[in-house]
Protein backbone atom coordinates (compact mmCIF):
# COMPACT_ATOMS: atom_id res chain seq x y z
CA MET A 1 -0.02 0.40 0.10
CA GLU A 2 1.54 3.51 -0.68
CA ILE A 3 -0.03 6.25 0.71
CA LYS A 4 0.96 10.24 -0.16
CA ASN A 5 0.01 13.51 1.26
CA PHE A 6 -2.33 11.63 3.67
CA ALA A 7 -3.09 13.26 7.33
CA LEU A 8 0.57 13.65 8.70
CA ILE A 9 2.12 11.15 6.28
CA GLU A 10 4.17 12.69 3.10
CA ASP A 11 4.97 9.41 1.31
CA VAL A 12 4.84 5.64 2.84
CA CYS A 13 5.18 2.09 1.06
CA LEU A 14 3.93 -0.48 3.08
CA GLU A 15 4.86 -3.80 1.77
CA PHE A 16 2.57 -6.46 3.82
CA SER A 17 3.79 -10.02 3.82
CA PRO A 18 1.86 -13.25 3.89
CA GLY A 19 0.99 -14.20 7.30
CA LEU A 20 1.21 -11.73 10.33
CA ASN A 21 1.93 -8.33 10.09
CA ILE A 22 1.90 -6.12 13.00
CA LEU A 23 2.08 -2.44 13.44
CA THR A 24 2.95 -0.21 16.70
CA GLY A 25 4.10 2.83 17.21
CA GLU A 26 3.60 5.43 20.15
CA THR A 27 0.01 6.63 20.67
CA GLY A 28 -0.52 9.37 18.43
CA ALA A 29 2.04 8.22 16.08
CA GLY A 30 -0.24 7.93 13.01
CA LYS A 31 -1.71 4.11 13.09
CA SER A 32 -5.10 5.35 13.00
CA ILE A 33 -4.11 7.41 9.25
CA ILE A 34 -3.02 3.83 8.18
CA VAL A 35 -6.34 2.71 9.03
CA GLY A 36 -8.00 5.56 7.52
CA ALA A 37 -6.23 4.98 4.15
CA LEU A 38 -7.06 1.17 4.32
CA ASN A 39 -10.53 1.93 4.74
CA LEU A 40 -10.64 4.36 1.79
CA LEU A 41 -9.19 1.55 -0.37
CA LEU A 42 -12.49 -0.26 0.40
CA GLY A 43 -15.02 2.59 -0.66
CA GLU A 44 -14.99 4.66 2.70
CA ARG A 45 -16.08 8.37 1.33
CA ALA A 46 -13.30 10.55 1.38
CA THR A 47 -13.20 14.34 2.54
CA THR A 48 -10.41 16.97 1.92
CA ASP A 49 -9.71 17.50 5.91
CA SER A 50 -7.42 14.48 5.14
CA ILE A 51 -5.15 16.10 2.64
CA ARG A 52 -1.54 17.29 4.08
CA THR A 53 -1.54 20.59 5.02
CA GLY A 54 0.26 22.56 2.12
CA GLU A 55 -0.91 19.87 -0.55
CA GLU A 56 -3.45 20.00 -3.29
CA GLU A 57 -4.06 16.12 -3.29
CA SER A 58 -3.84 13.06 -1.49
CA LEU A 59 -2.85 9.35 -3.49
CA ILE A 60 -3.54 6.03 -2.02
CA GLN A 61 -3.40 2.91 -3.35
CA GLY A 62 -3.29 -0.51 -2.71
CA PHE A 63 -1.96 -3.21 -4.77
CA PHE A 64 -3.61 -6.89 -4.46
CA SER A 65 -2.72 -10.50 -5.91
CA LEU A 66 -6.13 -12.25 -7.01
CA GLU A 67 -4.03 -15.30 -7.84
CA ASN A 68 -6.47 -17.51 -5.47
CA ASN A 69 -9.20 -14.85 -4.76
CA GLY A 70 -11.53 -16.44 -7.80
CA ALA A 71 -14.63 -14.30 -6.17
CA ALA A 72 -12.29 -11.03 -6.12
CA ARG A 73 -11.69 -12.08 -10.05
CA GLU A 74 -15.07 -12.22 -10.82
CA ALA A 75 -16.16 -9.26 -9.40
CA LEU A 76 -13.18 -7.38 -11.13
CA LYS A 77 -14.75 -8.49 -14.56
CA ALA A 78 -18.36 -7.87 -13.64
CA ILE A 79 -17.17 -4.13 -12.91
CA THR A 80 -14.59 -3.74 -15.51
CA GLY A 81 -14.61 -6.50 -18.20
CA LEU A 82 -11.11 -6.65 -16.99
CA GLU A 83 -9.60 -10.76 -16.73
CA ASP A 84 -6.47 -10.17 -14.20
CA SER A 85 -4.71 -11.69 -11.37
CA GLU A 86 -3.56 -8.07 -10.06
CA LEU A 87 -5.66 -5.61 -8.94
CA ILE A 88 -4.65 -1.98 -8.45
CA ILE A 89 -6.99 0.48 -6.01
CA THR A 90 -6.48 4.52 -6.25
CA ARG A 91 -7.88 6.84 -4.69
CA GLN A 92 -7.25 10.76 -5.46
CA ILE A 93 -8.73 13.42 -3.24
CA ASN A 94 -8.21 17.01 -4.07
CA ARG A 95 -8.75 20.15 -2.20
CA GLN A 96 -11.38 21.25 -5.01
CA GLY A 97 -13.62 18.27 -3.82
CA ARG A 98 -13.06 15.74 -6.76
CA ASN A 99 -12.14 12.68 -5.56
CA LEU A 100 -11.48 9.80 -8.01
CA CYS A 101 -11.88 5.80 -7.42
CA ARG A 102 -9.96 3.91 -10.33
CA ILE A 103 -9.68 -0.16 -10.35
CA ASN A 104 -6.95 -1.04 -12.65
CA GLY A 105 -6.90 2.41 -14.41
CA LEU A 106 -10.46 2.61 -15.09
CA ILE A 107 -12.53 5.17 -12.65
CA VAL A 108 -15.66 3.84 -10.74
CA SER A 109 -18.20 4.39 -8.58
CA LEU A 110 -17.58 4.08 -4.38
CA SER A 111 -20.44 1.64 -4.88
CA GLN A 112 -18.25 -0.76 -7.27
CA LEU A 113 -15.39 -0.15 -5.35
CA LYS A 114 -17.24 -1.38 -1.91
CA ASN A 115 -18.64 -4.27 -4.12
CA ILE A 116 -15.14 -5.69 -4.98
CA GLY A 117 -13.77 -4.70 -1.71
CA LYS A 118 -15.61 -6.98 0.81
CA TYR A 119 -13.89 -9.89 -1.50
CA LEU A 120 -10.31 -8.18 -0.42
CA ILE A 121 -10.18 -7.21 3.04
CA ASP A 122 -11.91 -8.15 6.37
CA PHE A 123 -12.16 -5.15 8.55
CA HIS A 124 -12.34 -5.37 12.03
CA GLY A 125 -12.51 -2.09 13.97
CA GLN A 126 -14.21 -0.48 16.90
CA HIS A 127 -17.50 -0.23 15.14
CA GLU A 128 -17.87 -3.94 14.84
CA HIS A 129 -18.02 -4.37 18.58
CA GLN A 130 -20.78 -1.55 18.96
CA SER A 131 -22.51 -4.18 15.87
CA LEU A 132 -22.59 -6.55 18.73
CA LEU A 133 -24.38 -4.55 21.37
CA ASP A 134 -27.16 -4.11 18.41
CA VAL A 135 -29.59 -6.70 18.98
CA LYS A 136 -31.16 -6.13 15.16
CA LYS A 137 -27.53 -7.02 14.23
CA HIS A 138 -27.36 -10.40 16.03
CA LEU A 139 -29.44 -12.34 13.31
CA GLU A 140 -27.25 -11.36 10.58
CA VAL A 141 -24.02 -12.53 12.80
CA LEU A 142 -25.82 -15.95 13.32
CA ASP A 143 -26.31 -15.93 9.21
CA LEU A 144 -22.83 -15.71 8.70
CA LEU A 145 -21.85 -18.09 11.33
CA CYS A 146 -24.03 -20.44 9.49
CA GLY A 147 -22.60 -20.60 5.92
CA PRO A 148 -23.36 -19.78 2.06
CA GLU A 149 -26.04 -22.70 2.30
CA LEU A 150 -27.87 -20.79 4.55
CA ILE A 151 -26.90 -17.39 2.56
CA SER A 152 -28.14 -18.84 -0.46
CA LEU A 153 -31.35 -20.15 1.06
CA ARG A 154 -32.18 -16.89 2.84
CA GLU A 155 -31.56 -15.10 -0.65
CA LYS A 156 -34.14 -17.49 -2.11
CA TYR A 157 -36.47 -16.68 0.97
CA GLN A 158 -36.09 -12.82 0.08
CA GLU A 159 -36.33 -12.90 -3.59
CA ASN A 160 -39.89 -14.37 -2.73
CA PHE A 161 -40.41 -11.78 0.37
CA LYS A 162 -40.21 -8.95 -2.46
CA LYS A 163 -42.38 -10.68 -4.77
CA TYR A 164 -44.58 -10.90 -1.55
CA LYS A 165 -44.87 -7.41 -0.83
CA LYS A 166 -45.12 -6.06 -4.26
CA ILE A 167 -48.26 -8.31 -4.58
CA GLU A 168 -49.13 -6.37 -0.99
CA ASN A 169 -48.42 -3.05 -2.59
CA ARG A 170 -50.75 -4.11 -5.61
CA LEU A 171 -53.62 -5.11 -3.69
CA HIS A 172 -53.51 -2.31 -1.52
CA ASP A 173 -53.36 -0.02 -4.00
CA MET A 174 -56.42 -1.58 -5.70
CA SER A 175 -58.59 -1.22 -2.27
CA GLY A 176 -58.32 2.83 -2.61
CA ASP A 177 -61.39 2.95 -4.83
CA SER A 178 -65.11 2.23 -4.59
CA ASP A 179 -66.91 0.46 -7.53
CA SER A 180 -68.57 3.65 -8.24
CA GLU A 181 -65.16 5.36 -8.30
CA ARG A 182 -63.82 3.10 -10.75
CA LYS A 183 -66.88 3.33 -12.82
CA ARG A 184 -66.77 7.07 -12.75
CA LYS A 185 -62.88 6.55 -14.02
CA ILE A 186 -63.78 4.19 -16.87
CA GLU A 187 -67.04 6.68 -18.29
CA LEU A 188 -64.41 9.43 -18.25
CA TYR A 189 -61.44 7.69 -19.60
CA GLU A 190 -64.03 6.55 -22.56
CA PHE A 191 -64.85 10.29 -23.22
CA GLN A 192 -61.49 11.48 -23.33
CA LEU A 193 -59.99 8.53 -25.44
CA GLN A 194 -63.00 9.07 -28.14
CA GLU A 195 -62.63 12.83 -27.87
CA ILE A 196 -59.07 12.48 -28.87
CA GLU A 197 -59.78 9.89 -31.63
CA ASP A 198 -62.12 11.70 -33.08
CA ALA A 199 -59.91 14.70 -33.51
CA GLN A 200 -57.82 12.53 -35.69
CA LEU A 201 -54.83 14.25 -34.90
CA LYS A 202 -51.38 13.58 -37.14
CA GLU A 203 -48.05 13.57 -36.09
CA GLY A 204 -46.14 17.27 -37.49
CA GLU A 205 -49.70 18.44 -38.61
CA GLU A 206 -49.94 21.35 -36.23
CA GLU A 207 -46.67 22.85 -37.58
CA GLU A 208 -47.89 22.19 -41.16
CA LEU A 209 -51.28 23.89 -40.23
CA GLU A 210 -49.12 26.84 -38.79
CA GLN A 211 -47.08 27.54 -41.78
CA GLU A 212 -50.22 26.88 -44.01
CA LEU A 213 -51.48 29.61 -41.64
CA LYS A 214 -49.06 32.24 -42.24
CA LEU A 215 -49.23 32.14 -46.38
CA LEU A 216 -52.74 32.45 -46.09
CA ALA A 217 -53.60 35.39 -43.86
CA ASN A 218 -50.86 37.20 -45.55
CA ALA A 219 -51.77 36.17 -49.07
CA ASP A 220 -52.58 39.56 -50.30
CA LEU A 221 -49.17 41.05 -49.08
CA ILE A 222 -47.33 37.99 -50.45
CA TYR A 223 -48.79 38.59 -54.22
CA SER A 224 -48.34 42.30 -54.31
CA ARG A 225 -44.68 42.13 -52.96
CA THR A 226 -43.84 39.13 -55.19
CA LEU A 227 -45.36 40.81 -58.23
CA GLU A 228 -43.40 44.21 -57.54
CA ALA A 229 -39.84 42.19 -57.18
CA TYR A 230 -40.55 40.76 -60.22
CA ASN A 231 -41.01 43.87 -61.97
CA GLU A 232 -38.10 45.05 -60.57
CA LEU A 233 -35.90 42.78 -61.72
CA SER A 234 -36.99 42.01 -65.19
CA GLY A 235 -40.87 42.60 -65.74
CA SER A 236 -41.00 46.61 -66.91
CA THR A 237 -41.65 47.92 -70.18
CA ASP A 238 -39.75 50.65 -69.81
CA ASN A 239 -36.34 49.04 -70.09
CA ASN A 240 -35.16 50.39 -66.79
CA SER A 241 -35.63 46.88 -64.94
CA ILE A 242 -32.33 45.96 -62.91
CA SER A 243 -31.99 43.01 -65.89
CA ASP A 244 -32.50 45.45 -68.70
CA ARG A 245 -29.65 47.91 -66.92
CA LEU A 246 -27.14 44.99 -66.48
CA GLU A 247 -27.40 44.14 -69.95
CA GLY A 248 -26.68 47.76 -70.81
CA VAL A 249 -23.74 47.67 -68.53
CA MET A 250 -22.25 44.21 -70.38
CA ALA A 251 -22.61 46.12 -73.40
CA LEU A 252 -20.63 48.51 -72.70
CA LEU A 253 -18.02 46.57 -71.06
CA LYS A 254 -18.04 43.59 -74.24
CA ASP A 255 -15.33 45.66 -76.63
CA VAL A 256 -13.09 46.43 -74.28
CA SER A 257 -12.70 42.93 -72.50
CA ARG A 258 -10.83 41.65 -75.46
CA LEU A 259 -8.11 44.34 -74.25
CA ASP A 260 -8.15 43.63 -70.92
CA SER A 261 -8.07 40.36 -69.13
CA ASN A 262 -9.56 42.08 -65.58
CA ILE A 263 -12.02 43.64 -67.51
CA ALA A 264 -12.90 40.24 -69.08
CA ALA A 265 -13.10 38.63 -65.66
CA ALA A 266 -15.26 41.56 -64.52
CA ARG A 267 -17.72 41.09 -67.14
CA GLU A 268 -18.09 37.38 -66.85
CA GLN A 269 -19.41 38.09 -63.23
CA LEU A 270 -21.84 40.04 -64.56
CA VAL A 271 -22.87 37.33 -67.09
CA THR A 272 -23.48 34.63 -64.00
CA ALA A 273 -24.97 37.72 -61.84
CA ALA A 274 -27.63 38.08 -64.80
CA ASP A 275 -28.29 34.13 -64.94
CA VAL A 276 -29.01 34.44 -60.98
CA ILE A 277 -31.16 37.48 -61.32
CA ARG A 278 -33.13 35.47 -64.28
CA ASP A 279 -33.78 32.76 -62.05
CA ALA A 280 -34.45 34.78 -58.98
CA ALA A 281 -37.06 36.60 -60.96
CA ARG A 282 -38.93 33.56 -62.60
CA GLU A 283 -39.18 31.62 -59.08
CA ILE A 284 -40.53 34.81 -57.91
CA ARG A 285 -43.20 35.24 -60.86
CA VAL A 286 -44.17 31.12 -60.02
CA ILE A 287 -44.52 32.44 -56.29
CA SER A 288 -46.63 35.05 -56.97
CA GLU A 289 -48.72 33.34 -59.64
CA ASN A 290 -49.34 30.68 -57.41
CA VAL A 291 -50.69 33.21 -54.02
CA ASN A 292 -53.66 30.88 -52.37
CA PHE A 293 -56.74 33.23 -52.26
CA ASP A 294 -58.36 30.70 -50.28
CA PRO A 295 -60.79 31.93 -47.71
CA GLU A 296 -62.86 28.86 -46.90
CA ARG A 297 -59.52 27.17 -46.62
CA LEU A 298 -57.84 29.91 -44.07
CA ALA A 299 -61.01 29.30 -42.09
CA PHE A 300 -60.60 25.62 -41.91
CA VAL A 301 -56.95 26.05 -40.81
CA GLU A 302 -58.14 28.80 -38.06
CA LYS A 303 -60.69 25.93 -37.09
CA ARG A 304 -58.37 23.00 -37.05
CA LEU A 305 -55.70 24.99 -35.16
CA ALA A 306 -57.87 26.22 -32.24
CA GLU A 307 -59.46 22.41 -32.11
CA ILE A 308 -55.57 21.42 -31.61
CA SER A 309 -54.91 23.98 -29.18
CA LYS A 310 -58.43 23.09 -27.13
CA LEU A 311 -57.12 19.20 -26.73
CA LYS A 312 -54.04 20.63 -25.27
CA LYS A 313 -55.18 22.56 -22.77
CA LYS A 314 -56.64 19.32 -21.71
CA TYR A 315 -54.54 16.78 -22.52
CA GLY A 316 -50.70 18.14 -22.98
CA ASP A 317 -48.45 20.62 -24.01
CA THR A 318 -47.77 19.20 -27.44
CA LEU A 319 -49.31 16.63 -29.81
CA GLU A 320 -46.46 13.77 -28.30
CA GLU A 321 -48.10 14.76 -25.05
CA ILE A 322 -51.54 14.24 -26.11
CA PHE A 323 -50.69 10.76 -27.86
CA ALA A 324 -48.99 9.65 -24.26
CA TYR A 325 -51.85 10.69 -22.38
CA ALA A 326 -54.38 8.55 -24.61
CA GLU A 327 -51.77 5.24 -24.35
CA LYS A 328 -51.59 5.76 -20.23
CA ILE A 329 -54.95 6.14 -19.86
CA ALA A 330 -56.14 3.38 -22.10
CA ALA A 331 -54.05 1.18 -20.18
CA GLU A 332 -55.38 2.54 -16.95
CA LYS A 333 -58.92 2.15 -18.02
CA LYS A 334 -58.01 -1.64 -19.34
CA GLU A 335 -57.06 -1.90 -15.58
CA LEU A 336 -60.23 -0.82 -14.18
CA GLU A 337 -62.01 -3.16 -16.58
CA THR A 338 -60.15 -6.13 -15.34
CA TYR A 339 -60.55 -4.82 -11.72
CA ALA A 340 -62.21 -8.34 -10.39
CA GLU A 341 -59.93 -10.43 -12.59
CA ARG A 342 -56.91 -8.87 -11.37
CA LYS A 343 -57.84 -9.09 -7.50
CA SER A 344 -58.64 -12.58 -7.48
CA ARG A 345 -55.43 -13.26 -9.60
CA TYR A 346 -52.93 -11.16 -7.16
CA LEU A 347 -54.89 -12.81 -4.02
CA LYS A 348 -53.75 -16.32 -5.71
CA GLU A 349 -50.64 -15.21 -5.87
CA LYS A 350 -50.47 -13.89 -2.42
CA GLU A 351 -51.42 -17.14 -1.10
CA GLY A 352 -48.91 -19.54 -2.92
CA LEU A 353 -46.51 -16.79 -1.97
CA LEU A 354 -47.30 -17.06 1.79
CA LYS A 355 -47.10 -20.53 1.80
CA VAL A 356 -43.60 -20.44 0.03
CA LEU A 357 -42.42 -18.33 2.60
CA ASN A 358 -43.57 -20.12 5.25
CA ASP A 359 -41.90 -22.96 4.32
CA LEU A 360 -38.74 -21.28 3.48
CA ALA A 361 -38.76 -19.56 7.02
CA ALA A 362 -39.44 -22.90 8.44
CA GLU A 363 -36.61 -24.14 6.89
CA LEU A 364 -34.56 -21.19 7.94
CA SER A 365 -35.35 -21.16 10.93
CA GLN A 366 -34.64 -24.95 11.77
CA ARG A 367 -31.07 -24.62 9.74
CA ARG A 368 -30.34 -21.78 12.29
CA LYS A 369 -31.15 -23.37 15.14
CA THR A 370 -29.66 -26.29 14.39
CA LYS A 371 -26.19 -24.34 13.56
CA ALA A 372 -26.86 -22.19 16.77
CA ALA A 373 -26.02 -25.57 18.54
CA ALA A 374 -22.70 -26.37 16.67
CA VAL A 375 -22.24 -22.36 17.32
CA GLU A 376 -22.57 -22.54 20.75
CA ALA A 377 -20.51 -25.27 21.18
CA GLU A 378 -17.59 -24.02 19.04
CA LEU A 379 -17.54 -21.02 20.97
CA LYS A 380 -17.31 -22.76 23.85
CA GLU A 381 -13.99 -24.04 22.50
CA HIS A 382 -12.77 -20.84 21.59
CA PHE A 383 -13.21 -19.01 24.59
CA ASN A 384 -11.32 -21.91 26.70
CA SER A 385 -8.29 -20.93 24.38
CA LEU A 386 -9.00 -17.10 25.48
CA SER A 387 -9.17 -17.06 29.13
CA LEU A 388 -12.76 -17.00 29.22
CA GLU A 389 -13.00 -20.69 30.30
CA ASN A 390 -16.30 -19.80 31.94
CA ALA A 391 -17.95 -17.91 29.78
CA LYS A 392 -20.76 -18.82 27.81
CA LEU A 393 -22.71 -17.53 24.86
CA LYS A 394 -26.21 -18.80 24.20
CA LEU A 395 -28.55 -17.74 20.98
CA ASN A 396 -31.96 -16.93 22.12
CA PHE A 397 -34.48 -17.47 19.35
CA GLU A 398 -37.86 -15.41 19.37
CA LYS A 399 -40.39 -16.06 16.72
CA SER A 400 -42.07 -12.78 14.90
CA GLU A 401 -43.98 -11.80 12.27
CA LEU A 402 -42.77 -12.77 8.71
CA GLY A 403 -40.12 -10.48 7.65
CA GLU A 404 -37.12 -9.94 5.25
CA THR A 405 -34.95 -12.69 7.14
CA GLY A 406 -37.88 -14.89 8.16
CA PHE A 407 -39.35 -14.97 11.37
CA ASP A 408 -36.85 -15.46 13.53
CA LYS A 409 -35.36 -13.09 16.25
CA VAL A 410 -32.45 -13.79 17.87
CA GLU A 411 -30.54 -12.01 20.35
CA PHE A 412 -26.81 -13.10 22.17
CA LEU A 413 -27.13 -13.83 26.12
CA PHE A 414 -23.52 -14.20 27.57
CA THR A 415 -22.54 -15.07 30.85
CA ALA A 416 -18.79 -14.87 31.83
CA ASN A 417 -19.10 -16.43 35.62
CA VAL A 418 -19.91 -20.36 36.44
CA GLY A 419 -23.45 -20.34 37.85
CA GLU A 420 -24.44 -17.18 36.83
CA PRO A 421 -27.60 -17.01 34.20
CA GLU A 422 -27.00 -15.86 30.51
CA LYS A 423 -27.96 -12.13 30.08
CA PRO A 424 -28.59 -9.81 27.04
CA LEU A 425 -24.56 -9.56 25.78
CA ALA A 426 -25.09 -5.55 25.51
CA ARG A 427 -25.94 -5.22 29.17
CA ILE A 428 -23.47 -7.08 30.59
CA VAL A 429 -19.87 -7.99 28.70
CA SER A 430 -16.96 -5.79 29.51
CA GLY A 431 -14.55 -4.32 26.98
CA GLY A 432 -12.09 -7.07 27.32
CA GLU A 433 -14.66 -9.87 26.74
CA MET A 434 -16.38 -8.15 23.64
CA SER A 435 -13.17 -8.10 22.01
CA ARG A 436 -12.61 -12.01 22.62
CA VAL A 437 -15.99 -12.72 21.78
CA MET A 438 -15.97 -11.16 18.52
CA LEU A 439 -11.96 -12.58 17.88
CA ALA A 440 -14.09 -16.22 18.91
CA LEU A 441 -16.87 -15.17 15.92
CA LYS A 442 -13.97 -13.94 13.39
CA SER A 443 -12.49 -17.17 13.83
CA ILE A 444 -15.56 -19.39 13.14
CA MET A 445 -16.14 -17.27 9.87
CA ALA A 446 -12.93 -17.13 8.58
CA ALA A 447 -12.96 -21.27 8.49
CA TRP A 448 -15.45 -20.81 5.13
CA GLN A 449 -16.35 -16.81 4.32
CA TRP A 450 -12.77 -16.85 2.80
CA VAL A 451 -11.83 -13.26 2.46
CA PRO A 452 -7.37 -13.15 2.08
CA THR A 453 -6.81 -10.18 4.20
CA LEU A 454 -7.96 -9.66 7.95
CA VAL A 455 -7.52 -6.80 9.35
CA PHE A 456 -7.42 -6.11 13.04
CA ASP A 457 -7.83 -2.49 14.69
CA GLU A 458 -6.88 -3.06 18.09
CA LEU A 459 -8.71 -5.91 18.61
CA ASP A 460 -6.88 -6.12 22.25
CA SER A 461 -7.96 -3.52 23.84
CA GLY A 462 -9.55 -3.74 27.18
CA ILE A 463 -7.63 -6.97 27.88
CA GLY A 464 -4.28 -7.86 30.19
CA GLY A 465 -2.22 -10.54 31.26
CA LYS A 466 -2.07 -14.40 30.37
CA THR A 467 -5.06 -13.05 28.18
CA VAL A 468 -2.79 -11.35 26.20
CA LEU A 469 -0.94 -14.13 25.33
CA ALA A 470 -4.15 -16.13 24.42
CA VAL A 471 -5.50 -13.53 21.70
CA GLY A 472 -2.21 -13.77 20.05
CA GLU A 473 -1.65 -16.88 20.28
CA LYS A 474 -5.35 -16.76 18.27
CA ILE A 475 -4.65 -14.03 15.58
CA LEU A 476 -1.52 -16.09 15.07
CA ARG A 477 -3.50 -19.01 13.90
CA LEU A 478 -5.50 -17.13 11.89
CA SER A 479 -2.64 -16.08 9.91
CA TYR A 480 -1.85 -19.26 9.23
CA HIS A 481 -4.11 -19.60 6.38
CA HIS A 482 -5.12 -15.61 5.95
CA GLN A 483 -2.84 -12.57 5.70
CA VAL A 484 -3.65 -10.86 9.12
CA ILE A 485 -2.46 -7.10 9.62
CA SER A 486 -3.03 -6.43 13.13
CA ILE A 487 -2.42 -2.73 14.89
CA THR A 488 -1.82 -3.52 18.43
CA HIS A 489 -0.23 -1.66 21.79
CA TRP A 490 0.88 -5.45 23.31
CA PRO A 491 4.50 -5.96 22.93
CA GLN A 492 3.30 -10.06 23.54
CA ILE A 493 1.24 -9.94 20.52
CA ALA A 494 3.97 -7.83 18.17
CA ALA A 495 6.39 -10.24 19.23
CA MET A 496 4.16 -12.89 17.36
CA ALA A 497 4.59 -10.82 13.98
CA GLY A 498 5.97 -12.55 10.98
CA LYS A 499 6.70 -8.98 9.98
CA HIS A 500 6.81 -5.83 11.86
CA PHE A 501 6.01 -2.15 11.36
CA ARG A 502 6.89 0.72 13.18
CA ILE A 503 5.28 3.88 13.10
CA THR A 504 6.89 6.98 14.49
CA LYS A 505 6.05 10.64 14.10
CA GLU A 506 8.69 13.33 13.77
CA THR A 507 9.31 17.35 13.50
CA ALA A 508 11.28 18.53 11.07
CA ALA A 509 11.66 22.15 9.66
CA GLY A 510 8.66 23.27 11.69
CA ARG A 511 6.23 20.24 10.00
CA THR A 512 5.04 17.17 11.52
CA VAL A 513 5.56 13.77 9.44
CA THR A 514 3.93 9.93 10.58
CA SER A 515 6.70 7.61 8.80
CA VAL A 516 6.67 3.83 8.84
CA LYS A 517 9.51 1.32 8.46
CA SER A 518 9.63 -2.43 8.36
CA ILE A 519 11.84 -3.37 11.00
CA LYS A 520 14.17 -6.47 11.79
CA GLY A 521 16.41 -8.22 14.38
CA GLU A 522 17.50 -5.48 17.06
CA GLU A 523 14.98 -2.92 16.03
CA ILE A 524 12.10 -5.42 16.79
CA GLU A 525 13.92 -5.70 20.27
CA ALA A 526 14.05 -2.49 20.80
CA GLU A 527 10.73 -1.90 19.42
CA ILE A 528 9.20 -4.39 22.02
CA ALA A 529 11.29 -2.86 24.86
CA ARG A 530 9.81 0.32 24.28
CA MET A 531 6.46 -0.87 24.67
CA LEU A 532 7.49 -2.83 27.52
CA ASP A 533 9.34 0.14 29.67
CA GLY A 534 10.59 2.80 27.17
CA GLY A 535 13.62 0.73 25.79
CA GLU A 536 15.79 0.63 29.83
CA LYS A 537 18.32 -2.20 30.03
CA GLY A 538 15.95 -4.61 31.46
CA ALA A 539 13.23 -4.08 29.20
CA ILE A 540 15.58 -5.22 26.14
CA LEU A 541 16.16 -8.58 28.35
CA GLN A 542 12.44 -8.87 28.41
CA ALA A 543 11.69 -8.31 25.42
CA LYS A 544 13.97 -10.91 23.97
CA ASN A 545 12.56 -13.43 26.70
CA ILE A 546 8.53 -12.33 25.06
CA LEU A 547 10.42 -12.82 21.56
CA ALA A 548 11.70 -16.00 22.40
CA ARG A 549 8.74 -17.49 23.87
CA ALA A 550 6.91 -16.08 20.97
CA LYS A 551 8.90 -18.22 18.10
CA LYS A 552 7.92 -21.22 20.26
CA ILE A 553 4.74 -20.98 19.58
CA LYS A 554 5.62 -19.87 15.98
């Protein structure tokens, strides 16, 4: 991932390795900036506030391998038409507010970016803790735990539920009118359709009539002006027309044109002009002779335009709108006339869909309850390995009305102590317990919901003691089958890293800059010691012991 001019970062490139990647640093060093950049790659909205002070644009790029990610390759092909085994996501943010998203160089929308991002990174931040506190999200979490077969069944249910709601809405719309109101509408539509049909309107008719009206209404003026123009050009008897005078000029130049080529050229232009004038005069004469003095036709055109104007006031501003209105009310009239037949059909469809929905909802519920028992047992195993030996999470089911996900209402009940009854998770779980509950759930999901990269943003907050090591081991095991990027403030977890990045913040030339460096060997020892006790000699020795113990676990 490359980050330029983003918040306090000037230019940083992070090359993550397979396995466990750890990011550490002082509080305020800029770990949250890395998280923000990752979220932008997944389709989060950008703001100009994130652009580094004094710069015009931020640039964030993520480079992904799709070699073993068929779902992402299919999404890439669907969005861009490309069939590549590598993916480059680019986000550009400028101060003018023009924020561009690109996938392999092609501009895409945020929704398209989110669509492919879900196949690349599974991001766990503090907001996911909040989702477990929201009872409305518990059913969604259970369904994810149930796996792809249940998700497919739920999608089938939801397709039928949409059809059911559509039929319900149609029946609701149909219930608005009484029989007398439907009859009144049918009669009105019949009258309007008959009126439009009787008018026998034709496309383009109004424009043609308006042009004809101009000619008929101004026939006297057109005749007198065209006759006068013809006489001026060539029709006078006193040899003083424009044509006569032009002939005289050409005669004057005839002899001298043999003496000067320029005069000859000018005379040729006059010859051409004379031909043009004669043609124009003939055309004007034809127009004059064909002027239509027809009062009856004028009256007909005026009446026809008045009829069209009347229809336009009632049914539309143009003939095209009148035609569209007629088509619309004809369809509505047909629906009204077939009301009883359609209502009967919709009621039958609704009844059939309701049976299908009840059957699918029952199957969903049965599968959820079967899986819930297995999930509870599996969670117990994960709790044991996360220093929650006495904890128990129970999935409590209640039946509700049919909705978008069936008729199940699910709530997580939790207890961390022997002999204590399970109570709603949101009311009793501590911050440290919540982190481990989420990690246990992620461990189950990761087994089938294969997203190549898992990101944990301080998943280990709120824990301490031996629990830290247990959480570290769990994250390490996840990295055996996934690329894991984890931001942590615990040295015991940092020691598990396959690759360790240190984030620092420095001030130079009056500017603050966040830097990221991949560290090895003694640098890792020094960073672990800093996390322990600021780098004292005793801390260095303790850091070596922590790293040695982590090496045995790995």
